[in-house]
Amino acid sequence: MAEYKLVVMTSAVEGREDEFNDWYDNEHLGDICALPGFTDASRYELESFGENSMGHKYLAIYDMETDDVDATMQNMIGEATSGRMHISEAMAMPTVTLLYKKRGD
């Protein structure tokens, strides 16, 4: 199976940061890692250097092992958008950025 890194950058809705962090750390990371193809996750609070800011406050990095990365990603998105996976309203959805890269490429 091929190995991938999924990078997810997010922010909280203003005034709901504690709620967002509690949900992300204690629920969401585990929900994602329970999906087929996901093997591990880590999460960080971002700090910008100088005036360089991308508008995101948090970074999560997920490890994936899959022979079909598109199906793995579609499954994750489907779980989130269908309501089968709880997504906190404290997450600022317009700020979410997802990027992935195959290991070794």
N, C-alpha and C. Protein backbone atom coordinates (compact mmCIF):
# COMPACT_ATOMS: atom_id res chain seq x y z
N MET A 1 0.83 -1.19 0.00
CA MET A 1 0.00 0.00 0.00
C MET A 1 0.87 1.25 0.00
N ALA A 2 0.37 2.27 -0.66
CA ALA A 2 1.09 3.54 -0.69
C ALA A 2 0.82 4.32 0.59
N GLU A 3 1.81 5.10 1.00
CA GLU A 3 1.68 5.93 2.20
C GLU A 3 1.53 7.39 1.79
N TYR A 4 0.64 8.08 2.50
CA TYR A 4 0.35 9.48 2.23
C TYR A 4 0.36 10.27 3.52
N LYS A 5 0.56 11.56 3.39
CA LYS A 5 0.35 12.53 4.47
C LYS A 5 -0.79 13.43 4.04
N LEU A 6 -1.77 13.58 4.92
CA LEU A 6 -2.86 14.53 4.70
C LEU A 6 -2.64 15.67 5.68
N VAL A 7 -2.59 16.88 5.15
CA VAL A 7 -2.41 18.09 5.96
C VAL A 7 -3.73 18.84 5.94
N VAL A 8 -4.25 19.15 7.14
CA VAL A 8 -5.51 19.88 7.27
C VAL A 8 -5.26 21.13 8.10
N MET A 9 -5.56 22.29 7.52
CA MET A 9 -5.40 23.55 8.23
C MET A 9 -6.79 24.10 8.53
N THR A 10 -6.99 24.52 9.78
CA THR A 10 -8.30 24.97 10.24
C THR A 10 -8.17 26.16 11.17
N SER A 11 -9.32 26.73 11.49
CA SER A 11 -9.45 27.77 12.52
C SER A 11 -10.78 27.58 13.22
N ALA A 12 -10.91 28.19 14.37
CA ALA A 12 -12.16 28.14 15.14
C ALA A 12 -13.02 29.36 14.81
N VAL A 13 -14.32 29.20 15.00
CA VAL A 13 -15.23 30.33 14.94
C VAL A 13 -14.84 31.26 16.09
N GLU A 14 -14.83 32.54 15.83
CA GLU A 14 -14.44 33.51 16.86
C GLU A 14 -15.26 33.31 18.13
N GLY A 15 -14.56 33.26 19.26
CA GLY A 15 -15.20 33.11 20.57
C GLY A 15 -15.50 31.67 20.95
N ARG A 16 -15.19 30.69 20.06
CA ARG A 16 -15.52 29.29 20.34
C ARG A 16 -14.27 28.40 20.28
N GLU A 17 -13.13 28.99 20.53
CA GLU A 17 -11.87 28.27 20.40
C GLU A 17 -11.75 27.10 21.38
N ASP A 18 -12.14 27.27 22.62
CA ASP A 18 -12.05 26.17 23.59
C ASP A 18 -12.93 25.00 23.17
N GLU A 19 -14.13 25.30 22.73
CA GLU A 19 -15.06 24.25 22.26
C GLU A 19 -14.46 23.53 21.04
N PHE A 20 -13.91 24.29 20.11
CA PHE A 20 -13.31 23.73 18.91
C PHE A 20 -12.15 22.80 19.26
N ASN A 21 -11.24 23.27 20.12
CA ASN A 21 -10.08 22.46 20.49
C ASN A 21 -10.48 21.19 21.24
N ASP A 22 -11.45 21.29 22.13
CA ASP A 22 -11.93 20.10 22.85
C ASP A 22 -12.49 19.07 21.88
N TRP A 23 -13.35 19.51 20.95
CA TRP A 23 -13.93 18.61 19.96
C TRP A 23 -12.84 18.00 19.08
N TYR A 24 -11.93 18.83 18.57
CA TYR A 24 -10.92 18.32 17.63
C TYR A 24 -10.01 17.31 18.31
N ASP A 25 -9.50 17.66 19.51
CA ASP A 25 -8.55 16.79 20.20
C ASP A 25 -9.20 15.52 20.76
N ASN A 26 -10.41 15.63 21.29
CA ASN A 26 -11.01 14.52 22.02
C ASN A 26 -12.04 13.72 21.23
N GLU A 27 -12.39 14.18 20.04
CA GLU A 27 -13.38 13.47 19.24
C GLU A 27 -12.93 13.30 17.78
N HIS A 28 -12.63 14.40 17.13
CA HIS A 28 -12.42 14.38 15.69
C HIS A 28 -11.18 13.59 15.27
N LEU A 29 -10.06 13.78 15.94
CA LEU A 29 -8.86 13.03 15.56
C LEU A 29 -9.13 11.53 15.60
N GLY A 30 -9.81 11.06 16.64
CA GLY A 30 -10.14 9.64 16.75
C GLY A 30 -11.12 9.18 15.69
N ASP A 31 -12.11 10.02 15.39
CA ASP A 31 -13.07 9.67 14.34
C ASP A 31 -12.38 9.48 13.00
N ILE A 32 -11.46 10.38 12.68
CA ILE A 32 -10.75 10.26 11.40
C ILE A 32 -9.86 9.03 11.40
N CYS A 33 -9.13 8.80 12.47
CA CYS A 33 -8.22 7.65 12.52
C CYS A 33 -8.96 6.32 12.52
N ALA A 34 -10.24 6.32 12.84
CA ALA A 34 -11.04 5.09 12.81
C ALA A 34 -11.50 4.75 11.39
N LEU A 35 -11.36 5.68 10.45
CA LEU A 35 -11.77 5.44 9.07
C LEU A 35 -10.74 4.56 8.35
N PRO A 36 -11.20 3.76 7.40
CA PRO A 36 -10.26 2.93 6.62
C PRO A 36 -9.22 3.79 5.91
N GLY A 37 -7.97 3.38 6.02
CA GLY A 37 -6.87 4.07 5.36
C GLY A 37 -6.12 5.05 6.23
N PHE A 38 -6.71 5.46 7.35
CA PHE A 38 -6.05 6.42 8.25
C PHE A 38 -5.39 5.66 9.39
N THR A 39 -4.12 5.98 9.65
CA THR A 39 -3.36 5.22 10.65
C THR A 39 -2.89 6.03 11.85
N ASP A 40 -2.76 7.34 11.71
CA ASP A 40 -2.26 8.14 12.84
C ASP A 40 -2.56 9.61 12.56
N ALA A 41 -2.45 10.41 13.63
CA ALA A 41 -2.69 11.85 13.49
C ALA A 41 -1.93 12.61 14.56
N SER A 42 -1.57 13.84 14.22
CA SER A 42 -1.00 14.77 15.19
C SER A 42 -1.54 16.15 14.85
N ARG A 43 -1.58 17.01 15.87
CA ARG A 43 -2.19 18.33 15.70
C ARG A 43 -1.32 19.39 16.35
N TYR A 44 -1.29 20.59 15.73
CA TYR A 44 -0.43 21.67 16.18
C TYR A 44 -1.16 23.00 16.11
N GLU A 45 -0.76 23.91 16.98
CA GLU A 45 -1.20 25.29 16.87
C GLU A 45 -0.13 26.03 16.09
N LEU A 46 -0.54 26.74 15.05
CA LEU A 46 0.41 27.42 14.18
C LEU A 46 0.78 28.79 14.74
N GLU A 47 2.01 29.17 14.47
CA GLU A 47 2.48 30.51 14.76
C GLU A 47 3.11 31.04 13.49
N SER A 48 2.86 32.30 13.18
CA SER A 48 3.42 32.86 11.95
C SER A 48 4.71 33.60 12.27
N PHE A 49 5.55 33.70 11.28
CA PHE A 49 6.82 34.40 11.40
C PHE A 49 6.68 35.74 10.69
N GLY A 50 6.88 36.80 11.43
CA GLY A 50 6.77 38.13 10.84
C GLY A 50 5.35 38.39 10.34
N GLU A 51 5.24 38.87 9.13
CA GLU A 51 3.94 39.19 8.56
C GLU A 51 3.39 38.03 7.73
N ASN A 52 4.07 36.89 7.74
CA ASN A 52 3.66 35.75 6.94
C ASN A 52 2.56 34.98 7.66
N SER A 53 1.32 35.11 7.21
CA SER A 53 0.21 34.40 7.82
C SER A 53 -0.70 33.88 6.73
N MET A 54 -1.15 32.62 6.87
CA MET A 54 -2.02 32.02 5.88
C MET A 54 -3.48 32.08 6.31
N GLY A 55 -3.76 32.61 7.48
CA GLY A 55 -5.13 32.70 7.94
C GLY A 55 -5.63 31.47 8.67
N HIS A 56 -4.78 30.49 8.88
CA HIS A 56 -5.15 29.29 9.64
C HIS A 56 -4.45 29.33 10.99
N LYS A 57 -5.14 28.78 11.99
CA LYS A 57 -4.53 28.76 13.32
C LYS A 57 -4.04 27.37 13.72
N TYR A 58 -4.61 26.33 13.12
CA TYR A 58 -4.28 24.96 13.52
C TYR A 58 -3.90 24.11 12.32
N LEU A 59 -3.06 23.12 12.59
CA LEU A 59 -2.58 22.19 11.58
C LEU A 59 -2.71 20.78 12.13
N ALA A 60 -3.35 19.91 11.37
CA ALA A 60 -3.39 18.48 11.71
C ALA A 60 -2.72 17.73 10.57
N ILE A 61 -1.93 16.73 10.93
CA ILE A 61 -1.26 15.89 9.93
C ILE A 61 -1.71 14.45 10.18
N TYR A 62 -2.28 13.85 9.15
CA TYR A 62 -2.78 12.48 9.23
C TYR A 62 -1.92 11.58 8.35
N ASP A 63 -1.62 10.39 8.85
CA ASP A 63 -0.93 9.37 8.06
C ASP A 63 -1.99 8.48 7.44
N MET A 64 -1.80 8.19 6.16
CA MET A 64 -2.72 7.31 5.45
C MET A 64 -1.93 6.21 4.75
N GLU A 65 -2.52 5.02 4.71
CA GLU A 65 -2.00 3.91 3.93
C GLU A 65 -3.17 3.39 3.10
N THR A 66 -3.05 3.52 1.78
CA THR A 66 -4.16 3.14 0.91
C THR A 66 -3.67 2.90 -0.51
N ASP A 67 -4.36 2.03 -1.22
CA ASP A 67 -4.10 1.83 -2.63
C ASP A 67 -4.96 2.74 -3.50
N ASP A 68 -5.94 3.42 -2.88
CA ASP A 68 -6.83 4.31 -3.62
C ASP A 68 -7.07 5.57 -2.78
N VAL A 69 -6.16 6.53 -2.90
CA VAL A 69 -6.24 7.74 -2.07
C VAL A 69 -7.51 8.53 -2.37
N ASP A 70 -7.96 8.54 -3.62
CA ASP A 70 -9.17 9.28 -3.94
C ASP A 70 -10.38 8.69 -3.22
N ALA A 71 -10.49 7.36 -3.18
CA ALA A 71 -11.60 6.71 -2.47
C ALA A 71 -11.50 6.95 -0.97
N THR A 72 -10.29 6.93 -0.43
CA THR A 72 -10.10 7.18 1.00
C THR A 72 -10.54 8.60 1.36
N MET A 73 -10.13 9.57 0.54
CA MET A 73 -10.52 10.96 0.78
C MET A 73 -12.02 11.15 0.60
N GLN A 74 -12.60 10.56 -0.43
CA GLN A 74 -14.05 10.67 -0.65
C GLN A 74 -14.84 10.06 0.49
N ASN A 75 -14.35 8.94 1.04
CA ASN A 75 -15.02 8.33 2.18
C ASN A 75 -14.99 9.27 3.38
N MET A 76 -13.84 9.88 3.65
CA MET A 76 -13.73 10.81 4.78
C MET A 76 -14.68 11.99 4.59
N ILE A 77 -14.68 12.57 3.40
CA ILE A 77 -15.55 13.72 3.13
C ILE A 77 -17.02 13.30 3.22
N GLY A 78 -17.33 12.12 2.71
CA GLY A 78 -18.70 11.62 2.79
C GLY A 78 -19.17 11.42 4.21
N GLU A 79 -18.32 10.90 5.07
CA GLU A 79 -18.67 10.72 6.48
C GLU A 79 -18.96 12.07 7.14
N ALA A 80 -18.15 13.06 6.81
CA ALA A 80 -18.30 14.39 7.41
C ALA A 80 -19.53 15.12 6.88
N THR A 81 -19.76 15.05 5.58
CA THR A 81 -20.87 15.82 5.00
C THR A 81 -22.22 15.15 5.16
N SER A 82 -22.24 13.84 5.41
CA SER A 82 -23.50 13.11 5.55
C SER A 82 -24.09 13.24 6.95
N GLY A 83 -23.26 13.67 7.89
CA GLY A 83 -23.72 13.73 9.27
C GLY A 83 -23.39 12.47 10.07
N ARG A 84 -22.84 11.44 9.41
CA ARG A 84 -22.46 10.23 10.14
C ARG A 84 -21.30 10.51 11.09
N MET A 85 -20.47 11.49 10.75
CA MET A 85 -19.39 11.93 11.63
C MET A 85 -19.75 13.32 12.13
N HIS A 86 -19.70 13.51 13.43
CA HIS A 86 -20.01 14.82 14.02
C HIS A 86 -18.94 15.83 13.65
N ILE A 87 -19.36 16.95 13.10
CA ILE A 87 -18.47 18.07 12.81
C ILE A 87 -18.94 19.25 13.65
N SER A 88 -18.08 19.75 14.49
CA SER A 88 -18.44 20.84 15.40
C SER A 88 -18.74 22.13 14.65
N GLU A 89 -19.79 22.80 15.08
CA GLU A 89 -20.11 24.11 14.52
C GLU A 89 -19.10 25.16 14.97
N ALA A 90 -18.19 24.80 15.87
CA ALA A 90 -17.15 25.72 16.32
C ALA A 90 -15.99 25.79 15.33
N MET A 91 -16.00 24.92 14.31
CA MET A 91 -14.96 24.98 13.29
C MET A 91 -15.38 25.97 12.21
N ALA A 92 -14.49 26.88 11.88
CA ALA A 92 -14.75 27.87 10.83
C ALA A 92 -14.58 27.19 9.48
N MET A 93 -15.66 26.65 8.94
CA MET A 93 -15.61 25.86 7.72
C MET A 93 -14.96 26.57 6.53
N PRO A 94 -15.19 27.86 6.34
CA PRO A 94 -14.55 28.50 5.17
C PRO A 94 -13.02 28.51 5.24
N THR A 95 -12.45 28.27 6.41
CA THR A 95 -11.00 28.31 6.54
C THR A 95 -10.34 26.95 6.31
N VAL A 96 -11.10 25.89 6.19
CA VAL A 96 -10.53 24.54 6.12
C VAL A 96 -9.79 24.35 4.78
N THR A 97 -8.55 23.89 4.88
CA THR A 97 -7.75 23.57 3.71
C THR A 97 -7.21 22.16 3.88
N LEU A 98 -7.39 21.32 2.85
CA LEU A 98 -6.89 19.95 2.86
C LEU A 98 -5.90 19.77 1.72
N LEU A 99 -4.75 19.18 2.04
CA LEU A 99 -3.71 18.89 1.05
C LEU A 99 -3.15 17.51 1.36
N TYR A 100 -2.85 16.73 0.32
CA TYR A 100 -2.19 15.47 0.60
C TYR A 100 -1.05 15.22 -0.37
N LYS A 101 -0.13 14.36 0.06
CA LYS A 101 1.07 14.08 -0.70
C LYS A 101 1.45 12.63 -0.49
N LYS A 102 1.76 11.94 -1.58
CA LYS A 102 2.24 10.57 -1.50
C LYS A 102 3.67 10.56 -0.98
N ARG A 103 3.93 9.68 -0.05
CA ARG A 103 5.28 9.60 0.52
C ARG A 103 6.23 9.06 -0.55
N GLY A 104 7.37 9.69 -0.66
CA GLY A 104 8.37 9.26 -1.60
C GLY A 104 8.30 9.96 -2.95
N ASP A 105 7.24 10.69 -3.21
CA ASP A 105 7.14 11.43 -4.48
C ASP A 105 7.83 12.77 -4.37
